[in-house]
Amino acid sequence: MTYTEVPIPEDLKEQVDEYRGKLIEAVAEFDDALLEKFFESPEA
């Protein structure tokens, strides 16, 4: 029922970055501002 937030495990960091990028790309066509941000500063 409850969670604990933990740091992202080291061995998953690369995979997480890859799939987060894929997620943003997949939905960016529905939001132009999002796509711009993705290219300029994805962390924003």
All heavy atoms as atom14 arrays in JSON, in Angstrom:
{
  "sequence": "MTYTEVPIPEDLKEQVDEYRGKLIEAVAEFDDALLEKFFESPEA",
  "atom14_mask": [
    [1, 1, 1, 1, 1, 1, 1, 1, 0, 0, 0, 0, 0, 0],
    [1, 1, 1, 1, 1, 1, 1, 0, 0, 0, 0, 0, 0, 0],
    [1, 1, 1, 1, 1, 1, 1, 1, 1, 1, 1, 1, 0, 0],
    [1, 1, 1, 1, 1, 1, 1, 0, 0, 0, 0, 0, 0, 0],
    [1, 1, 1, 1, 1, 1, 1, 1, 1, 0, 0, 0, 0, 0],
    [1, 1, 1, 1, 1, 1, 1, 0, 0, 0, 0, 0, 0, 0],
    [1, 1, 1, 1, 1, 1, 1, 0, 0, 0, 0, 0, 0, 0],
    [1, 1, 1, 1, 1, 1, 1, 1, 0, 0, 0, 0, 0, 0],
    [1, 1, 1, 1, 1, 1, 1, 0, 0, 0, 0, 0, 0, 0],
    [1, 1, 1, 1, 1, 1, 1, 1, 1, 0, 0, 0, 0, 0],
    [1, 1, 1, 1, 1, 1, 1, 1, 0, 0, 0, 0, 0, 0],
    [1, 1, 1, 1, 1, 1, 1, 1, 0, 0, 0, 0, 0, 0],
    [1, 1, 1, 1, 1, 1, 1, 1, 1, 0, 0, 0, 0, 0],
    [1, 1, 1, 1, 1, 1, 1, 1, 1, 0, 0, 0, 0, 0],
    [1, 1, 1, 1, 1, 1, 1, 1, 1, 0, 0, 0, 0, 0],
    [1, 1, 1, 1, 1, 1, 1, 0, 0, 0, 0, 0, 0, 0],
    [1, 1, 1, 1, 1, 1, 1, 1, 0, 0, 0, 0, 0, 0],
    [1, 1, 1, 1, 1, 1, 1, 1, 1, 0, 0, 0, 0, 0],
    [1, 1, 1, 1, 1, 1, 1, 1, 1, 1, 1, 1, 0, 0],
    [1, 1, 1, 1, 1, 1, 1, 1, 1, 1, 1, 0, 0, 0],
    [1, 1, 1, 1, 0, 0, 0, 0, 0, 0, 0, 0, 0, 0],
    [1, 1, 1, 1, 1, 1, 1, 1, 1, 0, 0, 0, 0, 0],
    [1, 1, 1, 1, 1, 1, 1, 1, 0, 0, 0, 0, 0, 0],
    [1, 1, 1, 1, 1, 1, 1, 1, 0, 0, 0, 0, 0, 0],
    [1, 1, 1, 1, 1, 1, 1, 1, 1, 0, 0, 0, 0, 0],
    [1, 1, 1, 1, 1, 0, 0, 0, 0, 0, 0, 0, 0, 0],
    [1, 1, 1, 1, 1, 1, 1, 0, 0, 0, 0, 0, 0, 0],
    [1, 1, 1, 1, 1, 0, 0, 0, 0, 0, 0, 0, 0, 0],
    [1, 1, 1, 1, 1, 1, 1, 1, 1, 0, 0, 0, 0, 0],
    [1, 1, 1, 1, 1, 1, 1, 1, 1, 1, 1, 0, 0, 0],
    [1, 1, 1, 1, 1, 1, 1, 1, 0, 0, 0, 0, 0, 0],
    [1, 1, 1, 1, 1, 1, 1, 1, 0, 0, 0, 0, 0, 0],
    [1, 1, 1, 1, 1, 0, 0, 0, 0, 0, 0, 0, 0, 0],
    [1, 1, 1, 1, 1, 1, 1, 1, 0, 0, 0, 0, 0, 0],
    [1, 1, 1, 1, 1, 1, 1, 1, 0, 0, 0, 0, 0, 0],
    [1, 1, 1, 1, 1, 1, 1, 1, 1, 0, 0, 0, 0, 0],
    [1, 1, 1, 1, 1, 1, 1, 1, 1, 0, 0, 0, 0, 0],
    [1, 1, 1, 1, 1, 1, 1, 1, 1, 1, 1, 0, 0, 0],
    [1, 1, 1, 1, 1, 1, 1, 1, 1, 1, 1, 0, 0, 0],
    [1, 1, 1, 1, 1, 1, 1, 1, 1, 0, 0, 0, 0, 0],
    [1, 1, 1, 1, 1, 1, 0, 0, 0, 0, 0, 0, 0, 0],
    [1, 1, 1, 1, 1, 1, 1, 0, 0, 0, 0, 0, 0, 0],
    [1, 1, 1, 1, 1, 1, 1, 1, 1, 0, 0, 0, 0, 0],
    [1, 1, 1, 1, 1, 0, 0, 0, 0, 0, 0, 0, 0, 0]
  ],
  "atom14_positions": [
    [[0.84, -1.21, 0.0], [0.0, 0.0, 0.0], [0.87, 1.26, 0.0], [0.46, 2.3, -0.49], [-0.88, 0.04, 1.26], [-2.0, -0.95, 1.28], [-3.42, -0.49, 0.32], [-4.62, 0.1, 1.43], [0.0, 0.0, 0.0], [0.0, 0.0, 0.0], [0.0, 0.0, 0.0], [0.0, 0.0, 0.0], [0.0, 0.0, 0.0], [0.0, 0.0, 0.0]],
    [[2.05, 1.19, 0.6], [2.87, 2.4, 0.69], [4.23, 2.15, 0.04], [4.64, 1.02, -0.2], [3.09, 2.79, 2.17], [3.62, 1.67, 2.86], [1.79, 3.22, 2.82], [0.0, 0.0, 0.0], [0.0, 0.0, 0.0], [0.0, 0.0, 0.0], [0.0, 0.0, 0.0], [0.0, 0.0, 0.0], [0.0, 0.0, 0.0], [0.0, 0.0, 0.0]],
    [[4.89, 3.27, -0.24], [6.16, 3.22, -0.98], [7.24, 3.92, -0.19], [6.94, 4.76, 0.64], [6.04, 4.11, -2.22], [5.28, 3.58, -3.35], [3.91, 3.42, -3.29], [5.96, 3.29, -4.53], [3.21, 2.98, -4.39], [5.27, 2.84, -5.62], [3.89, 2.7, -5.56], [3.23, 2.26, -6.66], [0.0, 0.0, 0.0], [0.0, 0.0, 0.0]],
    [[8.46, 3.65, -0.59], [9.57, 4.46, -0.11], [10.29, 4.94, -1.36], [10.53, 4.16, -2.28], [10.54, 3.6, 0.73], [9.77, 2.94, 1.73], [11.61, 4.44, 1.36], [0.0, 0.0, 0.0], [0.0, 0.0, 0.0], [0.0, 0.0, 0.0], [0.0, 0.0, 0.0], [0.0, 0.0, 0.0], [0.0, 0.0, 0.0], [0.0, 0.0, 0.0]],
    [[10.59, 6.25, -1.38], [11.34, 6.76, -2.54], [12.82, 6.46, -2.31], [13.35, 6.67, -1.21], [11.13, 8.27, -2.68], [11.7, 8.79, -3.97], [11.58, 10.33, -4.09], [10.58, 10.9, -3.63], [12.52, 10.92, -4.63], [0.0, 0.0, 0.0], [0.0, 0.0, 0.0], [0.0, 0.0, 0.0], [0.0, 0.0, 0.0], [0.0, 0.0, 0.0]],
    [[13.48, 5.94, -3.36], [14.91, 5.61, -3.24], [15.63, 6.21, -4.44], [15.0, 6.57, -5.43], [15.14, 4.07, -3.23], [14.53, 3.43, -2.0], [14.61, 3.42, -4.49], [0.0, 0.0, 0.0], [0.0, 0.0, 0.0], [0.0, 0.0, 0.0], [0.0, 0.0, 0.0], [0.0, 0.0, 0.0], [0.0, 0.0, 0.0], [0.0, 0.0, 0.0]],
    [[16.97, 6.35, -4.37], [17.68, 6.84, -5.56], [17.54, 5.82, -6.7], [17.39, 4.61, -6.44], [19.14, 6.93, -5.09], [19.1, 6.8, -3.6], [17.85, 6.08, -3.24], [0.0, 0.0, 0.0], [0.0, 0.0, 0.0], [0.0, 0.0, 0.0], [0.0, 0.0, 0.0], [0.0, 0.0, 0.0], [0.0, 0.0, 0.0], [0.0, 0.0, 0.0]],
    [[17.57, 6.28, -7.94], [17.48, 5.36, -9.08], [18.71, 4.45, -9.05], [19.85, 4.94, -9.0], [17.42, 6.15, -10.41], [16.12, 6.96, -10.46], [17.51, 5.2, -11.62], [15.97, 7.88, -11.66], [0.0, 0.0, 0.0], [0.0, 0.0, 0.0], [0.0, 0.0, 0.0], [0.0, 0.0, 0.0], [0.0, 0.0, 0.0], [0.0, 0.0, 0.0]],
    [[18.5, 3.11, -9.06], [19.65, 2.2, -9.01], [20.64, 2.48, -10.14], [20.22, 2.75, -11.28], [19.02, 0.81, -9.17], [17.6, 0.98, -8.74], [17.22, 2.38, -9.1], [0.0, 0.0, 0.0], [0.0, 0.0, 0.0], [0.0, 0.0, 0.0], [0.0, 0.0, 0.0], [0.0, 0.0, 0.0], [0.0, 0.0, 0.0], [0.0, 0.0, 0.0]],
    [[21.92, 2.41, -9.82], [22.98, 2.73, -10.8], [22.83, 1.91, -12.07], [22.95, 2.42, -13.18], [24.37, 2.43, -10.17], [24.88, 3.52, -9.23], [24.99, 4.9, -9.9], [25.43, 4.96, -11.07], [24.61, 5.91, -9.26], [0.0, 0.0, 0.0], [0.0, 0.0, 0.0], [0.0, 0.0, 0.0], [0.0, 0.0, 0.0], [0.0, 0.0, 0.0]],
    [[22.56, 0.58, -11.91], [22.53, -0.28, -13.11], [21.33, 0.01, -14.02], [21.22, -0.54, -15.12], [22.53, -1.76, -12.7], [21.36, -2.1, -11.79], [20.79, -1.18, -11.18], [21.0, -3.29, -11.69], [0.0, 0.0, 0.0], [0.0, 0.0, 0.0], [0.0, 0.0, 0.0], [0.0, 0.0, 0.0], [0.0, 0.0, 0.0], [0.0, 0.0, 0.0]],
    [[20.38, 0.86, -13.56], [19.2, 1.16, -14.39], [19.26, 2.55, -15.02], [18.44, 2.88, -15.87], [17.91, 1.07, -13.54], [17.43, -0.32, -13.13], [16.14, -0.22, -12.33], [17.19, -1.22, -14.34], [0.0, 0.0, 0.0], [0.0, 0.0, 0.0], [0.0, 0.0, 0.0], [0.0, 0.0, 0.0], [0.0, 0.0, 0.0], [0.0, 0.0, 0.0]],
    [[20.26, 3.38, -14.56], [20.26, 4.79, -14.99], [20.24, 4.94, -16.5], [19.47, 5.73, -17.06], [21.46, 5.53, -14.39], [21.18, 5.96, -12.96], [22.21, 6.9, -12.4], [21.72, 7.46, -11.06], [22.81, 7.93, -10.24], [0.0, 0.0, 0.0], [0.0, 0.0, 0.0], [0.0, 0.0, 0.0], [0.0, 0.0, 0.0], [0.0, 0.0, 0.0]],
    [[21.07, 4.17, -17.19], [21.17, 4.29, -18.65], [19.83, 3.93, -19.31], [19.33, 4.64, -20.18], [22.26, 3.32, -19.14], [22.86, 3.75, -20.48], [24.05, 2.85, -20.82], [25.0, 2.78, -20.01], [23.97, 2.21, -21.86], [0.0, 0.0, 0.0], [0.0, 0.0, 0.0], [0.0, 0.0, 0.0], [0.0, 0.0, 0.0], [0.0, 0.0, 0.0]],
    [[19.24, 2.82, -18.84], [17.96, 2.37, -19.4], [16.86, 3.4, -19.13], [16.03, 3.7, -19.99], [17.6, 1.03, -18.73], [16.56, 0.25, -19.5], [16.24, -1.06, -18.8], [16.22, -1.14, -17.57], [15.98, -2.09, -19.57], [0.0, 0.0, 0.0], [0.0, 0.0, 0.0], [0.0, 0.0, 0.0], [0.0, 0.0, 0.0], [0.0, 0.0, 0.0]],
    [[16.87, 3.97, -17.92], [15.85, 4.97, -17.55], [15.96, 6.19, -18.47], [14.96, 6.69, -18.99], [16.0, 5.37, -16.06], [15.2, 6.62, -15.75], [15.58, 4.21, -15.16], [0.0, 0.0, 0.0], [0.0, 0.0, 0.0], [0.0, 0.0, 0.0], [0.0, 0.0, 0.0], [0.0, 0.0, 0.0], [0.0, 0.0, 0.0], [0.0, 0.0, 0.0]],
    [[17.2, 6.66, -18.7], [17.39, 7.82, -19.59], [16.88, 7.51, -20.99], [16.2, 8.32, -21.63], [18.87, 8.22, -19.65], [19.32, 8.87, -18.35], [18.42, 9.26, -17.57], [20.54, 8.97, -18.1], [0.0, 0.0, 0.0], [0.0, 0.0, 0.0], [0.0, 0.0, 0.0], [0.0, 0.0, 0.0], [0.0, 0.0, 0.0], [0.0, 0.0, 0.0]],
    [[17.2, 6.3, -21.47], [16.8, 5.91, -22.83], [15.28, 5.9, -22.97], [14.7, 6.5, -23.89], [17.36, 4.5, -23.12], [16.98, 3.98, -24.51], [17.2, 2.47, -24.63], [17.93, 1.88, -23.79], [16.64, 1.88, -25.56], [0.0, 0.0, 0.0], [0.0, 0.0, 0.0], [0.0, 0.0, 0.0], [0.0, 0.0, 0.0], [0.0, 0.0, 0.0]],
    [[14.6, 5.27, -22.0], [13.14, 5.13, -22.13], [12.4, 6.42, -21.79], [11.32, 6.66, -22.29], [12.63, 3.95, -21.28], [12.81, 2.65, -22.05], [13.94, 1.87, -21.87], [11.87, 2.24, -22.99], [14.13, 0.7, -22.6], [12.04, 1.08, -23.72], [13.17, 0.31, -23.52], [13.34, -0.84, -24.26], [0.0, 0.0, 0.0], [0.0, 0.0, 0.0]],
    [[13.03, 7.27, -20.95], [12.38, 8.57, -20.68], [12.43, 9.41, -21.96], [11.46, 10.08, -22.33], [13.09, 9.29, -19.53], [12.3, 10.54, -19.1], [12.67, 11.0, -17.7], [11.64, 11.87, -17.19], [11.7, 13.21, -17.2], [12.77, 13.8, -17.69], [10.71, 13.93, -16.73], [0.0, 0.0, 0.0], [0.0, 0.0, 0.0], [0.0, 0.0, 0.0]],
    [[13.57, 9.32, -22.67], [13.69, 10.02, -23.95], [12.65, 9.53, -24.94], [11.98, 10.32, -25.63], [0.0, 0.0, 0.0], [0.0, 0.0, 0.0], [0.0, 0.0, 0.0], [0.0, 0.0, 0.0], [0.0, 0.0, 0.0], [0.0, 0.0, 0.0], [0.0, 0.0, 0.0], [0.0, 0.0, 0.0], [0.0, 0.0, 0.0], [0.0, 0.0, 0.0]],
    [[12.46, 8.19, -24.99], [11.47, 7.61, -25.92], [10.06, 8.08, -25.56], [9.23, 8.33, -26.43], [11.52, 6.08, -25.85], [12.71, 5.47, -26.59], [12.67, 3.96, -26.54], [13.83, 3.37, -27.33], [13.91, 1.91, -27.15], [0.0, 0.0, 0.0], [0.0, 0.0, 0.0], [0.0, 0.0, 0.0], [0.0, 0.0, 0.0], [0.0, 0.0, 0.0]],
    [[9.77, 8.17, -24.25], [8.45, 8.62, -23.8], [8.19, 10.05, -24.26], [7.14, 10.36, -24.83], [8.38, 8.52, -22.26], [7.23, 9.26, -21.57], [5.89, 8.69, -21.96], [7.37, 9.19, -20.04], [0.0, 0.0, 0.0], [0.0, 0.0, 0.0], [0.0, 0.0, 0.0], [0.0, 0.0, 0.0], [0.0, 0.0, 0.0], [0.0, 0.0, 0.0]],
    [[9.19, 10.92, -24.04], [9.01, 12.34, -24.43], [8.84, 12.46, -25.94], [7.96, 13.17, -26.43], [10.18, 13.2, -23.89], [10.16, 13.19, -22.35], [10.09, 14.63, -24.41], [11.4, 13.77, -21.69], [0.0, 0.0, 0.0], [0.0, 0.0, 0.0], [0.0, 0.0, 0.0], [0.0, 0.0, 0.0], [0.0, 0.0, 0.0], [0.0, 0.0, 0.0]],
    [[9.65, 11.72, -26.68], [9.53, 11.77, -28.15], [8.15, 11.32, -28.62], [7.55, 11.91, -29.51], [10.59, 10.84, -28.79], [11.9, 11.55, -29.09], [12.93, 10.54, -29.6], [12.67, 9.92, -30.64], [13.97, 10.38, -28.93], [0.0, 0.0, 0.0], [0.0, 0.0, 0.0], [0.0, 0.0, 0.0], [0.0, 0.0, 0.0], [0.0, 0.0, 0.0]],
    [[7.66, 10.23, -27.98], [6.38, 9.66, -28.42], [5.22, 10.63, -28.22], [4.28, 10.65, -29.01], [6.11, 8.36, -27.65], [0.0, 0.0, 0.0], [0.0, 0.0, 0.0], [0.0, 0.0, 0.0], [0.0, 0.0, 0.0], [0.0, 0.0, 0.0], [0.0, 0.0, 0.0], [0.0, 0.0, 0.0], [0.0, 0.0, 0.0], [0.0, 0.0, 0.0]],
    [[5.28, 11.44, -27.15], [4.13, 12.31, -26.87], [4.37, 13.76, -27.31], [3.46, 14.58, -27.28], [3.75, 12.29, -25.36], [3.36, 10.89, -24.94], [4.88, 12.81, -24.49], [0.0, 0.0, 0.0], [0.0, 0.0, 0.0], [0.0, 0.0, 0.0], [0.0, 0.0, 0.0], [0.0, 0.0, 0.0], [0.0, 0.0, 0.0], [0.0, 0.0, 0.0]],
    [[5.61, 14.05, -27.74], [5.95, 15.45, -28.05], [5.15, 16.01, -29.21], [4.87, 17.21, -29.26], [7.44, 15.57, -28.33], [0.0, 0.0, 0.0], [0.0, 0.0, 0.0], [0.0, 0.0, 0.0], [0.0, 0.0, 0.0], [0.0, 0.0, 0.0], [0.0, 0.0, 0.0], [0.0, 0.0, 0.0], [0.0, 0.0, 0.0], [0.0, 0.0, 0.0]],
    [[4.73, 15.13, -30.15], [3.99, 15.68, -31.3], [2.65, 16.28, -30.86], [2.0, 16.98, -31.61], [3.78, 14.61, -32.37], [2.91, 13.46, -31.9], [2.59, 12.48, -33.04], [1.74, 12.85, -33.87], [3.2, 11.4, -33.08], [0.0, 0.0, 0.0], [0.0, 0.0, 0.0], [0.0, 0.0, 0.0], [0.0, 0.0, 0.0], [0.0, 0.0, 0.0]],
    [[2.22, 15.97, -29.61], [0.97, 16.54, -29.12], [1.21, 17.84, -28.38], [0.29, 18.44, -27.86], [0.24, 15.53, -28.22], [-0.38, 14.43, -29.02], [0.36, 13.33, -29.39], [-1.69, 14.54, -29.46], [-0.2, 12.33, -30.16], [-2.25, 13.56, -30.24], [-1.51, 12.45, -30.59], [0.0, 0.0, 0.0], [0.0, 0.0, 0.0], [0.0, 0.0, 0.0]],
    [[2.46, 18.23, -28.3], [2.77, 19.45, -27.55], [4.09, 20.01, -28.07], [5.17, 19.54, -27.72], [2.88, 19.08, -26.05], [2.88, 20.33, -25.18], [3.35, 21.38, -25.67], [2.42, 20.25, -24.03], [0.0, 0.0, 0.0], [0.0, 0.0, 0.0], [0.0, 0.0, 0.0], [0.0, 0.0, 0.0], [0.0, 0.0, 0.0], [0.0, 0.0, 0.0]],
    [[4.0, 21.04, -28.93], [5.2, 21.6, -29.56], [6.18, 22.17, -28.53], [7.39, 22.02, -28.65], [4.82, 22.7, -30.56], [3.99, 22.11, -31.69], [4.09, 20.88, -31.88], [3.23, 22.85, -32.35], [0.0, 0.0, 0.0], [0.0, 0.0, 0.0], [0.0, 0.0, 0.0], [0.0, 0.0, 0.0], [0.0, 0.0, 0.0], [0.0, 0.0, 0.0]],
    [[5.61, 22.81, -27.5], [6.48, 23.44, -26.49], [7.33, 22.37, -25.8], [8.5, 22.58, -25.47], [5.62, 24.16, -25.45], [0.0, 0.0, 0.0], [0.0, 0.0, 0.0], [0.0, 0.0, 0.0], [0.0, 0.0, 0.0], [0.0, 0.0, 0.0], [0.0, 0.0, 0.0], [0.0, 0.0, 0.0], [0.0, 0.0, 0.0], [0.0, 0.0, 0.0]],
    [[6.73, 21.18, -25.63], [7.43, 20.08, -24.98], [8.62, 19.63, -25.84], [9.71, 19.38, -25.34], [6.45, 18.91, -24.8], [6.85, 17.83, -23.82], [6.81, 18.36, -22.4], [5.89, 16.64, -23.92], [0.0, 0.0, 0.0], [0.0, 0.0, 0.0], [0.0, 0.0, 0.0], [0.0, 0.0, 0.0], [0.0, 0.0, 0.0], [0.0, 0.0, 0.0]],
    [[8.39, 19.56, -27.15], [9.44, 19.11, -28.06], [10.62, 20.1, -28.03], [11.78, 19.7, -27.96], [8.87, 18.99, -29.49], [9.73, 18.22, -30.48], [9.97, 16.81, -29.99], [9.06, 18.17, -31.86], [0.0, 0.0, 0.0], [0.0, 0.0, 0.0], [0.0, 0.0, 0.0], [0.0, 0.0, 0.0], [0.0, 0.0, 0.0], [0.0, 0.0, 0.0]],
    [[10.28, 21.4, -28.03], [11.34, 22.42, -27.97], [12.17, 22.25, -26.69], [13.39, 22.24, -26.72], [10.71, 23.82, -27.96], [10.51, 24.37, -29.36], [9.75, 25.69, -29.33], [10.07, 26.53, -28.45], [8.85, 25.87, -30.16], [0.0, 0.0, 0.0], [0.0, 0.0, 0.0], [0.0, 0.0, 0.0], [0.0, 0.0, 0.0], [0.0, 0.0, 0.0]],
    [[11.44, 22.1, -25.58], [12.13, 21.93, -24.3], [13.03, 20.69, -24.32], [14.11, 20.68, -23.76], [11.1, 21.76, -23.17], [10.75, 23.05, -22.46], [9.96, 22.71, -21.2], [9.51, 23.97, -20.48], [8.7, 23.64, -19.31], [0.0, 0.0, 0.0], [0.0, 0.0, 0.0], [0.0, 0.0, 0.0], [0.0, 0.0, 0.0], [0.0, 0.0, 0.0]],
    [[12.53, 19.64, -24.97], [13.26, 18.37, -25.02], [14.62, 18.57, -25.7], [15.63, 18.02, -25.27], [12.42, 17.32, -25.75], [13.11, 15.98, -25.9], [13.57, 15.29, -24.78], [13.33, 15.41, -27.15], [14.2, 14.06, -24.89], [13.97, 14.18, -27.27], [14.4, 13.51, -26.14], [0.0, 0.0, 0.0], [0.0, 0.0, 0.0], [0.0, 0.0, 0.0]],
    [[14.62, 19.38, -26.77], [15.88, 19.59, -27.48], [16.79, 20.58, -26.74], [18.0, 20.45, -26.75], [15.61, 20.08, -28.91], [15.06, 18.97, -29.78], [13.88, 19.14, -30.49], [15.73, 17.75, -29.87], [13.37, 18.11, -31.27], [15.22, 16.72, -30.66], [14.05, 16.89, -31.36], [0.0, 0.0, 0.0], [0.0, 0.0, 0.0], [0.0, 0.0, 0.0]],
    [[16.17, 21.59, -26.09], [16.98, 22.62, -25.44], [17.46, 22.19, -24.04], [18.64, 22.18, -23.74], [16.2, 23.94, -25.35], [16.11, 24.62, -26.73], [15.04, 25.7, -26.76], [14.63, 26.16, -25.68], [14.61, 26.06, -27.88], [0.0, 0.0, 0.0], [0.0, 0.0, 0.0], [0.0, 0.0, 0.0], [0.0, 0.0, 0.0], [0.0, 0.0, 0.0]],
    [[16.48, 21.88, -23.16], [16.88, 21.45, -21.81], [15.86, 20.44, -21.29], [14.87, 20.82, -20.66], [16.95, 22.66, -20.86], [15.72, 23.36, -20.91], [0.0, 0.0, 0.0], [0.0, 0.0, 0.0], [0.0, 0.0, 0.0], [0.0, 0.0, 0.0], [0.0, 0.0, 0.0], [0.0, 0.0, 0.0], [0.0, 0.0, 0.0], [0.0, 0.0, 0.0]],
    [[16.11, 19.14, -21.57], [15.14, 18.11, -21.21], [14.8, 18.09, -19.72], [13.68, 17.77, -19.33], [15.82, 16.79, -21.63], [17.16, 17.13, -22.14], [17.28, 18.6, -22.29], [0.0, 0.0, 0.0], [0.0, 0.0, 0.0], [0.0, 0.0, 0.0], [0.0, 0.0, 0.0], [0.0, 0.0, 0.0], [0.0, 0.0, 0.0], [0.0, 0.0, 0.0]],
    [[15.78, 18.51, -18.89], [15.51, 18.46, -17.44], [14.46, 19.49, -17.0], [13.92, 19.42, -15.9], [16.82, 18.62, -16.62], [17.6, 19.91, -16.82], [18.34, 19.96, -18.16], [18.53, 18.89, -18.8], [18.7, 21.06, -18.58], [0.0, 0.0, 0.0], [0.0, 0.0, 0.0], [0.0, 0.0, 0.0], [0.0, 0.0, 0.0], [0.0, 0.0, 0.0]],
    [[14.16, 20.47, -17.9], [13.19, 21.51, -17.53], [11.74, 21.04, -17.72], [10.79, 21.73, -17.34], [13.42, 22.77, -18.36], [0.0, 0.0, 0.0], [0.0, 0.0, 0.0], [0.0, 0.0, 0.0], [0.0, 0.0, 0.0], [0.0, 0.0, 0.0], [0.0, 0.0, 0.0], [0.0, 0.0, 0.0], [0.0, 0.0, 0.0], [0.0, 0.0, 0.0]]
  ]
}
